[in-house]
């Protein structure tokens, strides 16, 4: 079986995902949900990949770079030097990252691949033949955002998953809910 891309994102009512290179909200439990899903593996000898664009990488505070207990793949055409980071690698395209994931080196090492942003990486992943699941947190509030999640494709079916709570969450007076959608097109 080939590479399967899981996308994970929290969106506001207006489909916003960011403002000035940062999250428009601070929801500690929602962030813990993100960390738990992107870190957890069934095989303790494997790790998950978090795949992101350079702006998403830039938005991660220095003390958290690279995201711990995960292999960080950063898509960039810039000449950023990642040699000082353990578990951070750069690729010039989504396809080159997927090619690496299909290599023997990563097949033996990687359990899941999580696309964590930004907007253009989400869009490319949603439209790719590798798109498998979308883990979507719906934040029930509109926020002033300058970055938005792309339109959802038609080929999605909502599913339930044991790792994802189905009840509505509330934090700091903001309600949100977790949803998991699977790509039902023939490609995956």
N, C-alpha and C. Protein backbone atom coordinates (compact mmCIF):
# COMPACT_ATOMS: atom_id res chain seq x y z
N UNK A 1 0.85 -1.18 0.00
CA UNK A 1 0.00 0.00 0.00
C UNK A 1 0.89 1.24 0.00
N UNK A 2 0.48 2.24 -0.77
CA UNK A 2 1.28 3.45 -0.91
C UNK A 2 1.05 4.46 0.19
N UNK A 3 1.60 5.63 -0.03
CA UNK A 3 1.50 6.73 0.93
C UNK A 3 0.05 7.20 1.03
N UNK A 4 -0.40 7.42 2.26
CA UNK A 4 -1.73 7.97 2.51
C UNK A 4 -1.56 9.25 3.31
N UNK A 5 -2.10 10.34 2.78
CA UNK A 5 -2.00 11.62 3.46
C UNK A 5 -3.21 11.86 4.33
N UNK A 6 -2.96 12.08 5.62
CA UNK A 6 -3.99 12.51 6.56
C UNK A 6 -3.80 14.01 6.74
N UNK A 7 -4.85 14.78 6.54
CA UNK A 7 -4.79 16.22 6.77
C UNK A 7 -5.42 16.50 8.12
N UNK A 8 -4.79 17.37 8.90
CA UNK A 8 -5.34 17.74 10.20
C UNK A 8 -5.34 19.26 10.29
N UNK A 9 -6.51 19.82 10.68
CA UNK A 9 -6.65 21.27 10.68
C UNK A 9 -7.81 21.66 11.59
N UNK A 10 -7.69 22.85 12.16
CA UNK A 10 -8.81 23.48 12.88
C UNK A 10 -9.22 24.70 12.06
N UNK A 11 -10.52 24.83 11.82
CA UNK A 11 -11.02 25.95 11.02
C UNK A 11 -12.12 26.69 11.78
N UNK A 12 -12.17 28.00 11.57
CA UNK A 12 -13.25 28.80 12.15
C UNK A 12 -14.48 28.69 11.24
N UNK A 13 -15.58 29.29 11.67
CA UNK A 13 -16.82 29.25 10.88
C UNK A 13 -16.61 29.80 9.48
N UNK A 14 -15.71 30.76 9.33
CA UNK A 14 -15.43 31.35 8.03
C UNK A 14 -14.27 30.66 7.31
N UNK A 15 -13.94 29.43 7.76
CA UNK A 15 -12.88 28.57 7.18
C UNK A 15 -11.49 29.15 7.36
N UNK A 16 -11.35 30.08 8.33
CA UNK A 16 -10.04 30.65 8.61
C UNK A 16 -9.17 29.66 9.36
N UNK A 17 -7.86 29.70 9.05
CA UNK A 17 -6.91 28.83 9.76
C UNK A 17 -5.72 29.61 10.33
N UNK A 18 -5.58 30.87 9.95
CA UNK A 18 -4.43 31.61 10.45
C UNK A 18 -4.57 33.10 10.28
N UNK A 19 -3.74 33.82 11.04
CA UNK A 19 -3.68 35.28 10.96
C UNK A 19 -2.25 35.70 11.28
N UNK A 20 -1.63 36.42 10.37
CA UNK A 20 -0.26 36.91 10.56
C UNK A 20 0.71 35.80 10.96
N UNK A 21 0.60 34.64 10.32
CA UNK A 21 1.53 33.53 10.58
C UNK A 21 1.32 32.85 11.92
N UNK A 22 0.14 32.99 12.51
CA UNK A 22 -0.14 32.39 13.80
C UNK A 22 -1.58 31.87 13.80
N UNK A 23 -1.89 31.07 14.82
CA UNK A 23 -3.27 30.61 14.98
C UNK A 23 -4.12 31.76 15.53
N UNK A 24 -5.36 31.89 15.08
CA UNK A 24 -6.22 32.96 15.57
C UNK A 24 -6.82 32.69 16.94
N UNK A 25 -6.56 31.54 17.51
CA UNK A 25 -7.12 31.16 18.81
C UNK A 25 -6.07 30.39 19.59
N UNK A 26 -6.28 30.29 20.88
CA UNK A 26 -5.41 29.48 21.75
C UNK A 26 -6.30 28.51 22.51
N UNK A 27 -6.36 27.28 22.03
CA UNK A 27 -7.19 26.26 22.64
C UNK A 27 -6.28 25.09 23.03
N UNK A 28 -5.92 25.07 24.28
CA UNK A 28 -4.92 24.11 24.77
C UNK A 28 -5.35 22.66 24.52
N UNK A 29 -6.61 22.32 24.79
CA UNK A 29 -7.06 20.94 24.60
C UNK A 29 -7.11 20.56 23.13
N UNK A 30 -7.45 21.51 22.28
CA UNK A 30 -7.48 21.25 20.85
C UNK A 30 -6.06 21.01 20.34
N UNK A 31 -5.11 21.78 20.85
CA UNK A 31 -3.71 21.59 20.46
C UNK A 31 -3.19 20.23 20.98
N UNK A 32 -3.65 19.82 22.15
CA UNK A 32 -3.26 18.51 22.69
C UNK A 32 -3.81 17.39 21.80
N UNK A 33 -5.03 17.58 21.29
CA UNK A 33 -5.64 16.63 20.35
C UNK A 33 -4.77 16.51 19.11
N UNK A 34 -4.34 17.64 18.56
CA UNK A 34 -3.44 17.67 17.40
C UNK A 34 -2.15 16.90 17.70
N UNK A 35 -1.54 17.20 18.83
CA UNK A 35 -0.28 16.55 19.19
C UNK A 35 -0.45 15.04 19.37
N UNK A 36 -1.53 14.66 20.03
CA UNK A 36 -1.80 13.24 20.30
C UNK A 36 -1.96 12.48 18.98
N UNK A 37 -2.78 13.01 18.07
CA UNK A 37 -3.02 12.30 16.81
C UNK A 37 -1.76 12.25 15.95
N UNK A 38 -1.03 13.35 15.86
CA UNK A 38 0.12 13.38 14.96
C UNK A 38 1.34 12.65 15.53
N UNK A 39 1.33 12.36 16.83
CA UNK A 39 2.45 11.68 17.46
C UNK A 39 2.21 10.18 17.63
N UNK A 40 0.96 9.78 17.90
CA UNK A 40 0.63 8.39 18.26
C UNK A 40 0.89 7.42 17.10
N UNK A 41 1.58 6.33 17.42
CA UNK A 41 1.77 5.23 16.47
C UNK A 41 1.38 3.93 17.15
N UNK A 42 0.95 2.97 16.35
CA UNK A 42 0.66 1.64 16.88
C UNK A 42 1.93 0.83 17.06
N UNK A 43 2.91 1.09 16.19
CA UNK A 43 4.19 0.39 16.24
C UNK A 43 5.21 1.31 16.93
N UNK A 44 5.67 0.96 18.13
CA UNK A 44 6.59 1.85 18.87
C UNK A 44 7.93 2.07 18.17
N UNK A 45 8.25 1.25 17.18
CA UNK A 45 9.52 1.43 16.48
C UNK A 45 9.40 2.43 15.33
N UNK A 46 8.18 2.93 15.10
CA UNK A 46 7.95 3.87 13.99
C UNK A 46 7.58 5.25 14.51
N UNK A 47 7.69 6.22 13.61
CA UNK A 47 7.27 7.60 13.91
C UNK A 47 6.32 8.05 12.81
N UNK A 48 5.64 9.15 13.08
CA UNK A 48 4.80 9.78 12.07
C UNK A 48 5.55 10.95 11.46
N UNK A 49 5.18 11.27 10.23
CA UNK A 49 5.70 12.46 9.55
C UNK A 49 4.65 13.56 9.67
N UNK A 50 5.10 14.77 10.01
CA UNK A 50 4.26 15.96 9.87
C UNK A 50 4.82 16.71 8.67
N UNK A 51 3.97 16.92 7.68
CA UNK A 51 4.38 17.54 6.43
C UNK A 51 3.77 18.92 6.36
N UNK A 52 4.60 19.93 6.11
CA UNK A 52 4.12 21.31 6.15
C UNK A 52 4.87 22.17 5.14
N UNK A 53 4.29 23.33 4.86
CA UNK A 53 4.97 24.33 4.05
C UNK A 53 5.92 25.16 4.91
N UNK A 54 6.73 25.97 4.25
CA UNK A 54 7.73 26.75 4.98
C UNK A 54 7.10 27.77 5.93
N UNK A 55 5.99 28.39 5.53
CA UNK A 55 5.37 29.38 6.42
C UNK A 55 4.84 28.73 7.69
N UNK A 56 4.33 27.51 7.57
CA UNK A 56 3.89 26.78 8.77
C UNK A 56 5.10 26.47 9.64
N UNK A 57 6.18 26.02 9.02
CA UNK A 57 7.43 25.77 9.76
C UNK A 57 7.86 27.03 10.48
N UNK A 58 7.84 28.17 9.77
CA UNK A 58 8.26 29.45 10.36
C UNK A 58 7.38 29.85 11.54
N UNK A 59 6.11 29.42 11.53
CA UNK A 59 5.18 29.82 12.59
C UNK A 59 5.37 29.00 13.87
N UNK A 60 6.12 27.91 13.80
CA UNK A 60 6.36 27.08 14.99
C UNK A 60 7.40 27.77 15.87
N UNK A 61 7.08 28.00 17.14
CA UNK A 61 8.07 28.64 18.02
C UNK A 61 9.38 27.83 18.05
N UNK A 62 10.49 28.53 18.12
CA UNK A 62 11.82 27.90 18.06
C UNK A 62 11.97 26.75 19.06
N UNK A 63 11.41 26.91 20.25
CA UNK A 63 11.58 25.87 21.27
C UNK A 63 10.86 24.57 20.92
N UNK A 64 9.95 24.62 19.94
CA UNK A 64 9.21 23.42 19.53
C UNK A 64 9.68 22.87 18.18
N UNK A 65 10.73 23.49 17.60
CA UNK A 65 11.23 23.03 16.30
C UNK A 65 12.35 22.03 16.46
N UNK A 66 12.35 20.97 15.70
CA UNK A 66 11.19 20.45 14.96
C UNK A 66 10.15 19.90 15.93
N UNK A 67 8.92 19.74 15.46
CA UNK A 67 7.89 19.21 16.35
C UNK A 67 8.38 17.88 16.91
N UNK A 68 8.39 17.74 18.24
CA UNK A 68 9.02 16.56 18.87
C UNK A 68 8.27 15.26 18.60
N UNK A 69 9.04 14.17 18.61
CA UNK A 69 8.53 12.81 18.45
C UNK A 69 7.85 12.56 17.11
N UNK A 70 8.20 13.41 16.13
CA UNK A 70 7.69 13.27 14.77
C UNK A 70 8.82 13.62 13.81
N UNK A 71 8.75 13.10 12.61
CA UNK A 71 9.69 13.48 11.56
C UNK A 71 9.05 14.66 10.82
N UNK A 72 9.76 15.78 10.78
CA UNK A 72 9.23 16.99 10.16
C UNK A 72 9.69 17.08 8.71
N UNK A 73 8.74 17.12 7.78
CA UNK A 73 9.02 17.35 6.36
C UNK A 73 8.54 18.75 6.03
N UNK A 74 9.43 19.58 5.49
CA UNK A 74 9.09 20.95 5.16
C UNK A 74 9.22 21.13 3.65
N UNK A 75 8.15 21.62 3.04
CA UNK A 75 8.16 21.88 1.60
C UNK A 75 8.60 23.32 1.38
N UNK A 76 9.72 23.50 0.70
CA UNK A 76 10.22 24.84 0.42
C UNK A 76 11.18 24.79 -0.76
N UNK A 77 11.19 25.86 -1.51
CA UNK A 77 12.16 25.99 -2.60
C UNK A 77 13.32 26.89 -2.15
N UNK A 78 13.23 27.40 -0.92
CA UNK A 78 14.29 28.27 -0.41
C UNK A 78 15.52 27.44 -0.05
N UNK A 79 16.62 28.14 0.22
CA UNK A 79 17.86 27.42 0.56
C UNK A 79 18.06 27.35 2.08
N UNK A 80 16.97 27.26 2.83
CA UNK A 80 17.07 27.09 4.27
C UNK A 80 17.91 25.87 4.60
N UNK A 81 18.70 26.00 5.64
CA UNK A 81 19.57 24.89 6.05
C UNK A 81 18.92 24.16 7.22
N UNK A 82 18.63 22.90 7.03
CA UNK A 82 17.99 22.09 8.07
C UNK A 82 18.98 21.15 8.74
N UNK A 83 20.26 21.27 8.43
CA UNK A 83 21.25 20.32 8.94
C UNK A 83 21.40 20.38 10.46
N UNK A 84 21.03 21.49 11.07
CA UNK A 84 21.17 21.59 12.53
C UNK A 84 19.99 20.93 13.27
N UNK A 85 18.98 20.54 12.52
CA UNK A 85 17.80 19.92 13.12
C UNK A 85 17.83 18.40 12.94
N UNK A 86 17.59 17.70 14.03
CA UNK A 86 17.38 16.27 13.92
C UNK A 86 15.90 16.06 13.61
N UNK A 87 15.59 15.16 12.72
CA UNK A 87 14.19 14.87 12.35
C UNK A 87 13.49 16.01 11.63
N UNK A 88 14.24 16.81 10.87
CA UNK A 88 13.64 17.82 10.00
C UNK A 88 14.33 17.74 8.65
N UNK A 89 13.53 17.67 7.61
CA UNK A 89 14.06 17.50 6.26
C UNK A 89 13.28 18.39 5.31
N UNK A 90 13.96 18.93 4.32
CA UNK A 90 13.25 19.79 3.37
C UNK A 90 13.13 19.11 2.01
N UNK A 91 12.04 19.43 1.35
CA UNK A 91 11.73 18.92 0.02
C UNK A 91 11.21 20.09 -0.82
N UNK A 92 11.46 20.02 -2.13
CA UNK A 92 11.05 21.15 -2.95
C UNK A 92 9.63 21.02 -3.51
N UNK A 93 8.96 19.88 -3.24
CA UNK A 93 7.59 19.70 -3.71
C UNK A 93 6.91 18.59 -2.91
N UNK A 94 5.59 18.57 -2.99
CA UNK A 94 4.84 17.49 -2.34
C UNK A 94 5.25 16.15 -2.95
N UNK A 95 5.42 16.11 -4.26
CA UNK A 95 5.77 14.86 -4.92
C UNK A 95 7.14 14.36 -4.47
N UNK A 96 8.10 15.26 -4.30
CA UNK A 96 9.43 14.80 -3.87
C UNK A 96 9.38 14.26 -2.44
N UNK A 97 8.51 14.83 -1.59
CA UNK A 97 8.33 14.30 -0.23
C UNK A 97 7.68 12.92 -0.29
N UNK A 98 6.69 12.75 -1.17
CA UNK A 98 6.03 11.46 -1.31
C UNK A 98 7.00 10.42 -1.86
N UNK A 99 7.83 10.83 -2.83
CA UNK A 99 8.84 9.92 -3.37
C UNK A 99 9.76 9.43 -2.25
N UNK A 100 10.16 10.34 -1.36
CA UNK A 100 11.01 9.94 -0.23
C UNK A 100 10.26 8.97 0.69
N UNK A 101 8.99 9.25 0.95
CA UNK A 101 8.19 8.37 1.81
C UNK A 101 8.03 6.98 1.22
N UNK A 102 8.08 6.88 -0.08
CA UNK A 102 7.95 5.59 -0.75
C UNK A 102 9.28 4.84 -0.82
N UNK A 103 10.36 5.49 -0.41
CA UNK A 103 11.68 4.84 -0.41
C UNK A 103 11.77 3.86 0.75
N UNK A 104 12.67 2.88 0.62
CA UNK A 104 12.83 1.87 1.67
C UNK A 104 13.17 2.49 3.01
N UNK A 105 13.98 3.56 2.98
CA UNK A 105 14.40 4.23 4.23
C UNK A 105 13.18 4.63 5.06
N UNK A 106 12.24 5.32 4.43
CA UNK A 106 11.09 5.83 5.19
C UNK A 106 9.98 4.80 5.36
N UNK A 107 9.83 3.88 4.42
CA UNK A 107 8.80 2.84 4.57
C UNK A 107 8.97 2.08 5.88
N UNK A 108 10.23 1.83 6.24
CA UNK A 108 10.51 1.07 7.46
C UNK A 108 10.37 1.92 8.72
N UNK A 109 10.39 3.23 8.55
CA UNK A 109 10.45 4.16 9.68
C UNK A 109 9.13 4.86 9.99
N UNK A 110 8.27 5.04 8.98
CA UNK A 110 7.09 5.91 9.09
C UNK A 110 5.81 5.11 9.16
N UNK A 111 4.94 5.48 10.13
CA UNK A 111 3.63 4.85 10.22
C UNK A 111 2.55 5.68 9.53
N UNK A 112 2.45 6.97 9.86
CA UNK A 112 1.42 7.83 9.29
C UNK A 112 2.03 9.14 8.81
N UNK A 113 1.35 9.74 7.84
CA UNK A 113 1.78 11.05 7.32
C UNK A 113 0.65 12.04 7.58
N UNK A 114 1.00 13.12 8.27
CA UNK A 114 0.03 14.16 8.64
C UNK A 114 0.40 15.47 7.94
N UNK A 115 -0.49 15.98 7.12
CA UNK A 115 -0.31 17.29 6.49
C UNK A 115 -0.86 18.32 7.47
N UNK A 116 -0.02 19.29 7.87
CA UNK A 116 -0.42 20.24 8.92
C UNK A 116 -0.47 21.68 8.44
N UNK A 117 -0.39 21.92 7.15
CA UNK A 117 -0.54 23.28 6.62
C UNK A 117 0.65 23.73 5.83
N UNK A 118 0.54 24.88 5.28
CA UNK A 118 -0.56 25.83 5.26
C UNK A 118 -1.53 25.59 4.11
N UNK A 119 -2.22 26.69 3.76
CA UNK A 119 -3.34 26.61 2.84
C UNK A 119 -2.97 25.97 1.51
N UNK A 120 -1.85 26.35 0.92
CA UNK A 120 -1.51 25.81 -0.41
C UNK A 120 -1.12 24.33 -0.31
N UNK A 121 -0.48 23.93 0.78
CA UNK A 121 -0.12 22.52 0.96
C UNK A 121 -1.40 21.71 1.19
N UNK A 122 -2.33 22.25 1.99
CA UNK A 122 -3.61 21.56 2.18
C UNK A 122 -4.32 21.37 0.84
N UNK A 123 -4.35 22.43 0.04
CA UNK A 123 -5.07 22.37 -1.24
C UNK A 123 -4.46 21.30 -2.14
N UNK A 124 -3.14 21.32 -2.27
CA UNK A 124 -2.47 20.34 -3.12
C UNK A 124 -2.70 18.91 -2.61
N UNK A 125 -2.65 18.72 -1.30
CA UNK A 125 -2.85 17.40 -0.72
C UNK A 125 -4.29 16.91 -0.91
N UNK A 126 -5.26 17.81 -0.72
CA UNK A 126 -6.67 17.45 -0.91
C UNK A 126 -6.94 16.98 -2.34
N UNK A 127 -6.27 17.59 -3.29
CA UNK A 127 -6.50 17.26 -4.70
C UNK A 127 -5.63 16.11 -5.19
N UNK A 128 -4.71 15.64 -4.36
CA UNK A 128 -3.79 14.60 -4.81
C UNK A 128 -4.41 13.21 -4.68
N UNK A 129 -3.85 12.29 -5.43
CA UNK A 129 -4.32 10.91 -5.36
C UNK A 129 -3.93 10.24 -4.05
N UNK A 130 -3.09 10.89 -3.25
CA UNK A 130 -2.63 10.33 -1.98
C UNK A 130 -3.52 10.74 -0.80
N UNK A 131 -4.47 11.65 -1.04
CA UNK A 131 -5.34 12.13 0.04
C UNK A 131 -6.19 10.98 0.57
N UNK A 132 -6.11 10.76 1.89
CA UNK A 132 -6.82 9.66 2.54
C UNK A 132 -7.91 10.15 3.48
N UNK A 133 -7.50 10.91 4.51
CA UNK A 133 -8.46 11.38 5.51
C UNK A 133 -8.22 12.83 5.88
N UNK A 134 -9.31 13.47 6.30
CA UNK A 134 -9.26 14.84 6.79
C UNK A 134 -9.77 14.83 8.23
N UNK A 135 -8.91 15.27 9.15
CA UNK A 135 -9.27 15.41 10.57
C UNK A 135 -9.53 16.90 10.79
N UNK A 136 -10.79 17.25 10.88
CA UNK A 136 -11.21 18.65 10.86
C UNK A 136 -11.83 19.04 12.20
N UNK A 137 -11.24 20.04 12.85
CA UNK A 137 -11.84 20.61 14.04
C UNK A 137 -12.62 21.83 13.59
N UNK A 138 -13.93 21.83 13.85
CA UNK A 138 -14.78 22.97 13.50
C UNK A 138 -14.92 23.84 14.74
N UNK A 139 -14.32 25.03 14.67
CA UNK A 139 -14.40 26.00 15.75
C UNK A 139 -15.65 26.84 15.49
N UNK A 140 -16.61 26.82 16.44
CA UNK A 140 -17.88 27.48 16.23
C UNK A 140 -17.82 28.98 16.56
N UNK A 141 -16.99 29.67 15.80
CA UNK A 141 -16.86 31.12 15.94
C UNK A 141 -16.12 31.63 14.70
N UNK A 142 -16.45 32.85 14.30
CA UNK A 142 -15.71 33.47 13.20
C UNK A 142 -14.54 34.25 13.77
N UNK A 143 -13.42 34.19 13.10
CA UNK A 143 -12.22 34.91 13.51
C UNK A 143 -11.71 35.72 12.33
N UNK A 144 -11.04 36.81 12.64
CA UNK A 144 -10.38 37.61 11.62
C UNK A 144 -9.14 36.83 11.18
N UNK A 145 -9.16 36.35 9.95
CA UNK A 145 -8.06 35.52 9.45
C UNK A 145 -7.56 36.06 8.11
N UNK A 146 -6.32 35.75 7.80
CA UNK A 146 -5.79 36.08 6.47
C UNK A 146 -5.41 34.83 5.69
N UNK A 147 -5.60 33.66 6.32
CA UNK A 147 -5.31 32.39 5.67
C UNK A 147 -6.51 31.46 5.89
N UNK A 148 -6.91 30.79 4.81
CA UNK A 148 -8.14 30.01 4.84
C UNK A 148 -7.93 28.61 4.30
N UNK A 149 -8.69 27.68 4.84
CA UNK A 149 -8.66 26.30 4.35
C UNK A 149 -9.39 26.27 3.01
N UNK A 150 -8.91 25.48 2.05
CA UNK A 150 -9.58 25.42 0.74
C UNK A 150 -10.96 24.76 0.85
N UNK A 151 -11.73 24.93 -0.20
CA UNK A 151 -13.06 24.30 -0.24
C UNK A 151 -12.92 22.79 -0.12
N UNK A 152 -13.85 22.21 0.60
CA UNK A 152 -13.83 20.75 0.77
C UNK A 152 -14.26 20.08 -0.53
N UNK A 153 -13.56 19.02 -0.93
CA UNK A 153 -13.97 18.31 -2.14
C UNK A 153 -15.27 17.55 -1.90
N UNK A 154 -15.90 17.15 -2.99
CA UNK A 154 -17.18 16.42 -2.93
C UNK A 154 -16.99 14.98 -2.45
N UNK A 155 -15.81 14.44 -2.62
CA UNK A 155 -15.57 13.00 -2.41
C UNK A 155 -15.28 12.64 -0.96
N UNK A 156 -15.97 13.28 0.00
CA UNK A 156 -15.72 13.01 1.41
C UNK A 156 -16.93 12.36 2.06
N UNK A 157 -16.64 11.43 2.97
CA UNK A 157 -17.69 10.80 3.77
C UNK A 157 -17.26 10.89 5.22
N UNK A 158 -18.14 11.41 6.07
CA UNK A 158 -17.79 11.50 7.49
C UNK A 158 -17.82 10.11 8.10
N UNK A 159 -16.78 9.82 8.89
CA UNK A 159 -16.66 8.53 9.56
C UNK A 159 -16.41 8.77 11.04
N UNK A 160 -16.53 7.73 11.84
CA UNK A 160 -16.15 7.86 13.25
C UNK A 160 -14.86 7.08 13.45
N UNK A 161 -14.05 7.57 14.38
CA UNK A 161 -12.79 6.91 14.67
C UNK A 161 -12.60 6.90 16.18
N UNK A 162 -12.11 5.79 16.68
CA UNK A 162 -11.99 5.60 18.13
C UNK A 162 -11.13 6.67 18.81
N UNK A 163 -10.12 7.18 18.13
CA UNK A 163 -9.21 8.17 18.73
C UNK A 163 -9.78 9.58 18.77
N UNK A 164 -10.96 9.79 18.18
CA UNK A 164 -11.49 11.14 18.03
C UNK A 164 -12.82 11.25 18.78
N UNK A 165 -12.85 12.12 19.82
CA UNK A 165 -14.11 12.29 20.57
C UNK A 165 -15.22 12.86 19.68
N UNK A 166 -16.44 12.42 19.92
CA UNK A 166 -17.56 12.89 19.10
C UNK A 166 -18.36 14.00 19.79
N UNK A 167 -18.20 14.14 21.10
CA UNK A 167 -18.98 15.16 21.80
C UNK A 167 -18.37 16.56 21.59
N UNK A 168 -19.25 17.55 21.67
CA UNK A 168 -18.80 18.94 21.51
C UNK A 168 -17.85 19.32 22.64
N UNK A 169 -16.84 20.08 22.31
CA UNK A 169 -15.83 20.53 23.27
C UNK A 169 -16.06 22.02 23.56
N UNK A 170 -15.61 22.46 24.73
CA UNK A 170 -15.66 23.89 25.03
C UNK A 170 -14.40 24.28 25.79
N UNK A 171 -13.85 25.42 25.40
CA UNK A 171 -12.64 25.91 26.01
C UNK A 171 -12.62 27.42 25.88
N UNK A 172 -12.39 28.11 26.97
CA UNK A 172 -12.32 29.58 26.96
C UNK A 172 -13.56 30.21 26.32
N UNK A 173 -14.73 29.58 26.55
CA UNK A 173 -15.97 30.11 26.00
C UNK A 173 -16.16 29.84 24.51
N UNK A 174 -15.26 29.07 23.92
CA UNK A 174 -15.35 28.74 22.49
C UNK A 174 -15.70 27.27 22.36
N UNK A 175 -16.74 26.97 21.59
CA UNK A 175 -17.10 25.58 21.37
C UNK A 175 -16.50 25.10 20.05
N UNK A 176 -16.18 23.82 20.02
CA UNK A 176 -15.65 23.22 18.79
C UNK A 176 -15.95 21.74 18.80
N UNK A 177 -15.87 21.14 17.62
CA UNK A 177 -16.14 19.70 17.51
C UNK A 177 -15.17 19.09 16.51
N UNK A 178 -14.89 17.81 16.73
CA UNK A 178 -13.95 17.07 15.89
C UNK A 178 -14.73 16.25 14.86
N UNK A 179 -14.23 16.23 13.63
CA UNK A 179 -14.85 15.47 12.55
C UNK A 179 -13.75 14.77 11.76
N UNK A 180 -14.05 13.58 11.29
CA UNK A 180 -13.12 12.84 10.45
C UNK A 180 -13.83 12.48 9.16
N UNK A 181 -13.20 12.83 8.04
CA UNK A 181 -13.76 12.56 6.72
C UNK A 181 -12.78 11.68 5.95
N UNK A 182 -13.33 10.73 5.23
CA UNK A 182 -12.50 9.85 4.42
C UNK A 182 -12.75 10.13 2.95
N UNK A 183 -11.69 10.08 2.18
CA UNK A 183 -11.78 10.23 0.73
C UNK A 183 -12.41 8.96 0.17
N UNK A 184 -13.55 9.11 -0.50
CA UNK A 184 -14.24 7.93 -1.03
C UNK A 184 -14.05 7.79 -2.53
N UNK A 185 -13.15 8.56 -3.12
CA UNK A 185 -12.89 8.41 -4.56
C UNK A 185 -12.04 7.15 -4.78
N UNK A 186 -11.96 6.74 -6.01
CA UNK A 186 -11.29 5.49 -6.37
C UNK A 186 -9.78 5.54 -6.15
N UNK A 187 -9.20 6.73 -6.14
CA UNK A 187 -7.74 6.87 -6.20
C UNK A 187 -7.01 6.29 -5.00
N UNK A 188 -7.59 6.37 -3.81
CA UNK A 188 -6.83 5.98 -2.62
C UNK A 188 -6.81 4.47 -2.44
